[in-house]
Amino acid sequence: MVALIAERHLAAAAAATVNRLLAMDRATSMADVANWADDWRLTHPNTGAWHFVDIPVDAPGYDPNRDCQHRACVVAKINGYTRMLGNDSRSDADREEALKFLIHFVADVHQPLHSADRHDRGGNDVRVVYAGRATNLHHIWDVDLVDAAKGAETEAAFVERLDQPGAEAQGPPAADPAAWADQAHGLAVAVAYAALPADMEIDLSGDYAARAMPVVDQQLERAGLRLAAVLNATFP
């Protein structure tokens, strides 16, 4: 859905180059390759740490020396793959791979629990109940809350509703993945963790989800607009 939003805001030059690179993978939309990086991680586990940045919940924000050692975090990888994508001296194969990583990582950094940690692996170790089943906090932010936000709509219809005129008027900020991570970190602290009930047996599909849903919508839209802004700046 982030990829679909981004495609709606691509300038002609960026769209042309993106489509040319996607064609190498026989893809016709950025959405077709949006989850490629997760599939790649299954056979390349060394890339796992690239999908998130563990900013401590009690920290004011991102510190590369603390949170991104060896440049193995989503902030550094967004920056690195953006540079690779815009480097004409790199092969098309390299740039196509960079594009696939970039699409996925811009979405990842906007998921609040990909940018925060409370000594619980970004909520993976927090056992919760959602819609009557046992799961973990990270999973409901990765999957369940997004599914609930979309409801019975198709992805295209949900994107159409979410990406209303005026969203662009606010404008995405400068292409600064560290600032995006700080913003997502703040939402993790204020909502993802702070809204948890004292009794962890309470089903989170009720009041907790109602508080989280506006954040989900907001972050999907932000991620789409920012991905488009990065690609438009890379291919002017």
Protein backbone atom coordinates (compact mmCIF):
# COMPACT_ATOMS: atom_id res chain seq x y z
CA MET A 1 0.00 0.00 0.00
CA VAL A 2 2.95 2.31 0.62
CA ALA A 3 4.20 1.47 -2.87
CA LEU A 4 0.78 2.15 -4.38
CA ILE A 5 0.59 5.54 -2.68
CA ALA A 6 4.08 6.41 -3.87
CA GLU A 7 3.25 5.55 -7.47
CA ARG A 8 0.40 8.05 -7.43
CA HIS A 9 2.91 10.82 -6.71
CA LEU A 10 5.80 9.94 -9.02
CA ALA A 11 6.85 12.55 -11.54
CA ALA A 12 7.06 11.41 -15.16
CA ALA A 13 10.85 11.07 -15.22
CA ALA A 14 10.96 9.06 -12.01
CA ALA A 15 8.07 6.83 -13.11
CA ALA A 16 9.82 6.06 -16.40
CA THR A 17 13.06 5.00 -14.73
CA VAL A 18 11.31 3.06 -11.99
CA ASN A 19 9.21 1.19 -14.54
CA ARG A 20 12.28 0.37 -16.63
CA LEU A 21 14.04 -1.12 -13.61
CA LEU A 22 10.94 -3.00 -12.47
CA ALA A 23 10.62 -4.57 -15.91
CA MET A 24 13.92 -6.37 -15.26
CA ASP A 25 12.02 -8.32 -12.59
CA ARG A 26 8.96 -8.68 -14.82
CA ALA A 27 7.09 -6.41 -12.40
CA THR A 28 4.62 -3.76 -13.49
CA SER A 29 4.20 -1.97 -10.16
CA MET A 30 6.36 -1.18 -7.16
CA ALA A 31 3.77 -3.09 -5.14
CA ASP A 32 4.80 -6.27 -6.97
CA VAL A 33 8.25 -6.14 -5.35
CA ALA A 34 7.36 -4.43 -2.08
CA ASN A 35 7.92 -7.57 0.01
CA TRP A 36 10.95 -8.82 -1.89
CA ALA A 37 13.32 -7.76 0.92
CA ASP A 38 11.46 -9.96 3.41
CA ASP A 39 11.75 -12.94 1.09
CA TRP A 40 15.44 -12.16 0.52
CA ARG A 41 16.05 -12.10 4.28
CA LEU A 42 14.95 -15.74 4.58
CA THR A 43 18.00 -16.88 2.62
CA HIS A 44 20.24 -13.95 3.58
CA PRO A 45 19.79 -13.62 7.36
CA ASN A 46 22.62 -11.11 7.55
CA THR A 47 20.18 -8.54 6.11
CA GLY A 48 17.71 -8.96 8.98
CA ALA A 49 19.04 -6.02 11.00
CA TRP A 50 18.63 -3.75 7.97
CA HIS A 51 14.84 -3.68 8.43
CA PHE A 52 14.75 -1.76 11.72
CA VAL A 53 16.60 0.55 14.09
CA ASP A 54 16.49 -0.14 17.82
CA ILE A 55 16.15 3.34 19.31
CA PRO A 56 15.62 2.81 23.07
CA VAL A 57 12.21 3.98 24.26
CA ASP A 58 13.83 6.14 26.92
CA ALA A 59 16.13 7.87 24.41
CA PRO A 60 15.23 11.25 22.87
CA GLY A 61 15.96 10.02 19.36
CA TYR A 62 18.28 8.30 16.93
CA ASP A 63 21.98 8.09 17.73
CA PRO A 64 23.93 6.38 14.91
CA ASN A 65 26.81 5.40 17.17
CA ARG A 66 24.45 3.66 19.59
CA ASP A 67 21.66 2.49 17.28
CA CYS A 68 23.37 1.73 13.96
CA GLN A 69 26.71 0.11 14.55
CA HIS A 70 28.47 -1.02 11.37
CA ARG A 71 25.72 0.86 9.48
CA ALA A 72 23.48 -2.19 9.84
CA CYS A 73 20.13 -0.49 10.39
CA VAL A 74 17.25 0.76 8.30
CA VAL A 75 18.31 4.42 8.45
CA ALA A 76 21.76 3.74 7.01
CA LYS A 77 20.40 1.32 4.42
CA ILE A 78 17.84 3.82 3.12
CA ASN A 79 20.61 6.36 2.68
CA GLY A 80 22.96 3.84 1.07
CA TYR A 81 20.45 2.39 -1.36
CA THR A 82 19.23 5.85 -2.32
CA ARG A 83 22.79 6.74 -3.32
CA MET A 84 23.20 3.47 -5.22
CA LEU A 85 19.92 3.97 -7.07
CA GLY A 86 20.99 7.41 -8.26
CA ASN A 87 24.50 6.34 -9.30
CA ASP A 88 24.59 6.05 -13.10
CA SER A 89 27.89 4.17 -12.94
CA ARG A 90 26.25 1.22 -11.17
CA SER A 91 24.74 -1.57 -13.24
CA ASP A 92 21.02 -1.70 -13.83
CA ALA A 93 20.97 -4.95 -11.85
CA ASP A 94 22.48 -3.18 -8.82
CA ARG A 95 20.08 -0.27 -9.16
CA GLU A 96 17.08 -2.54 -9.55
CA GLU A 97 18.04 -4.34 -6.33
CA ALA A 98 18.54 -0.99 -4.61
CA LEU A 99 15.05 0.06 -5.68
CA LYS A 100 13.51 -3.09 -4.21
CA PHE A 101 15.31 -2.61 -0.91
CA LEU A 102 14.40 1.08 -0.82
CA ILE A 103 10.67 0.50 -1.39
CA HIS A 104 10.57 -1.93 1.51
CA PHE A 105 12.82 -0.05 3.92
CA VAL A 106 11.01 3.28 3.59
CA ALA A 107 7.85 1.46 4.62
CA ASP A 108 9.63 -0.38 7.45
CA VAL A 109 11.06 2.73 9.10
CA HIS A 110 7.54 4.18 9.40
CA GLN A 111 6.22 1.20 11.35
CA PRO A 112 6.64 2.49 14.92
CA LEU A 113 8.01 -0.76 16.33
CA HIS A 114 10.66 -0.89 13.61
CA SER A 115 12.09 2.30 15.13
CA ALA A 116 11.87 1.60 18.85
CA ASP A 117 12.86 -1.03 21.37
CA ARG A 118 12.09 -1.67 25.03
CA HIS A 119 14.48 -4.60 25.44
CA ASP A 120 11.80 -6.70 23.74
CA ARG A 121 13.01 -6.91 20.12
CA GLY A 122 10.67 -4.15 19.00
CA GLY A 123 7.66 -5.74 20.67
CA ASN A 124 8.30 -9.24 19.34
CA ASP A 125 8.68 -10.51 22.91
CA VAL A 126 5.50 -8.80 24.17
CA ARG A 127 2.76 -11.42 24.22
CA VAL A 128 -0.71 -10.01 23.56
CA VAL A 129 -4.18 -11.10 22.50
CA TYR A 130 -5.68 -9.77 19.29
CA ALA A 131 -9.06 -10.81 17.85
CA GLY A 132 -9.16 -13.74 20.23
CA ARG A 133 -5.78 -15.22 19.40
CA ALA A 134 -2.38 -15.10 21.04
CA THR A 135 0.24 -13.16 19.12
CA ASN A 136 2.88 -10.51 19.80
CA LEU A 137 2.84 -6.73 19.79
CA HIS A 138 5.14 -6.37 16.80
CA HIS A 139 2.98 -8.63 14.66
CA ILE A 140 -0.19 -6.66 15.26
CA TRP A 141 1.55 -3.46 14.08
CA ASP A 142 3.09 -5.25 11.09
CA VAL A 143 -0.07 -7.04 10.00
CA ASP A 144 -3.24 -6.99 12.08
CA LEU A 145 -3.73 -3.25 12.50
CA VAL A 146 -3.03 -2.64 8.81
CA ASP A 147 -5.54 -5.32 7.85
CA ALA A 148 -8.09 -3.80 10.24
CA ALA A 149 -7.50 -0.31 8.81
CA LYS A 150 -8.09 -1.62 5.29
CA GLY A 151 -11.08 -3.71 6.32
CA ALA A 152 -12.98 -5.29 3.45
CA GLU A 153 -11.68 -2.79 0.89
CA THR A 154 -9.28 -3.76 -1.83
CA GLU A 155 -5.79 -2.34 -1.44
CA ALA A 156 -6.46 0.02 -4.34
CA ALA A 157 -9.70 1.28 -2.78
CA PHE A 158 -8.05 1.74 0.62
CA VAL A 159 -5.21 3.72 -0.95
CA GLU A 160 -7.70 5.86 -2.85
CA ARG A 161 -9.47 6.69 0.41
CA LEU A 162 -6.29 7.25 2.38
CA ASP A 163 -4.45 9.36 -0.19
CA GLN A 164 -6.90 12.24 -0.37
CA PRO A 165 -6.18 15.59 -2.05
CA GLY A 166 -4.45 17.87 0.39
CA ALA A 167 -2.11 15.24 1.76
CA GLU A 168 0.59 16.50 -0.57
CA ALA A 169 -0.06 20.11 0.44
CA GLN A 170 1.45 19.34 3.85
CA GLY A 171 4.51 18.14 2.01
CA PRO A 172 6.88 15.42 3.14
CA PRO A 173 9.89 16.73 5.04
CA ALA A 174 13.37 16.74 3.61
CA ALA A 175 14.57 13.25 2.71
CA ASP A 176 15.95 12.46 6.16
CA PRO A 177 15.44 8.83 7.24
CA ALA A 178 16.82 9.65 10.69
CA ALA A 179 14.02 12.20 11.18
CA TRP A 180 11.47 9.63 9.97
CA ALA A 181 12.82 7.14 12.49
CA ASP A 182 12.63 9.73 15.28
CA GLN A 183 9.01 10.46 14.37
CA ALA A 184 8.09 6.77 14.32
CA HIS A 185 9.96 6.27 17.60
CA GLY A 186 7.84 8.98 19.19
CA LEU A 187 4.67 7.21 18.05
CA ALA A 188 5.93 3.91 19.45
CA VAL A 189 6.52 5.51 22.83
CA ALA A 190 3.28 7.53 22.91
CA VAL A 191 0.92 4.94 21.40
CA ALA A 192 2.31 1.48 20.67
CA TYR A 193 3.70 1.06 24.18
CA ALA A 194 1.86 3.70 26.23
CA ALA A 195 -1.62 2.55 25.18
CA LEU A 196 -1.07 -1.03 26.28
CA PRO A 197 -3.52 -2.06 29.03
CA ALA A 198 -2.24 -3.05 32.45
CA ASP A 199 -3.86 -6.45 31.98
CA MET A 200 -2.17 -8.03 28.98
CA GLU A 201 -4.99 -10.56 28.69
CA ILE A 202 -7.26 -7.78 27.36
CA ASP A 203 -7.94 -8.19 23.66
CA LEU A 204 -6.17 -5.38 21.80
CA SER A 205 -8.64 -5.37 18.91
CA GLY A 206 -10.88 -3.02 20.92
CA ASP A 207 -9.80 0.23 22.58
CA TYR A 208 -6.12 -0.25 21.80
CA ALA A 209 -6.77 -0.71 18.08
CA ALA A 210 -9.07 2.33 18.02
CA ARG A 211 -6.23 4.46 19.37
CA ALA A 212 -3.66 2.91 17.06
CA MET A 213 -5.64 3.07 13.82
CA PRO A 214 -5.10 6.79 13.08
CA VAL A 215 -1.37 6.23 13.51
CA VAL A 216 -1.45 3.35 11.03
CA ASP A 217 -3.25 5.48 8.43
CA GLN A 218 -0.94 8.41 9.02
CA GLN A 219 2.26 6.39 8.74
CA LEU A 220 1.18 4.57 5.59
CA GLU A 221 0.44 7.90 3.90
CA ARG A 222 3.66 9.49 5.14
CA ALA A 223 5.72 6.55 3.93
CA GLY A 224 4.14 6.65 0.48
CA LEU A 225 4.67 10.39 0.06
CA ARG A 226 8.24 10.21 1.30
CA LEU A 227 9.11 7.27 -0.93
CA ALA A 228 7.78 9.23 -3.90
CA ALA A 229 9.79 12.28 -2.83
CA VAL A 230 13.00 10.23 -2.64
CA LEU A 231 12.44 8.70 -6.07
CA ASN A 232 11.52 12.04 -7.66
CA ALA A 233 14.67 13.62 -6.26
CA THR A 234 16.77 10.66 -7.43
CA PHE A 235 15.40 10.73 -10.98
CA PRO A 236 14.63 14.42 -11.71
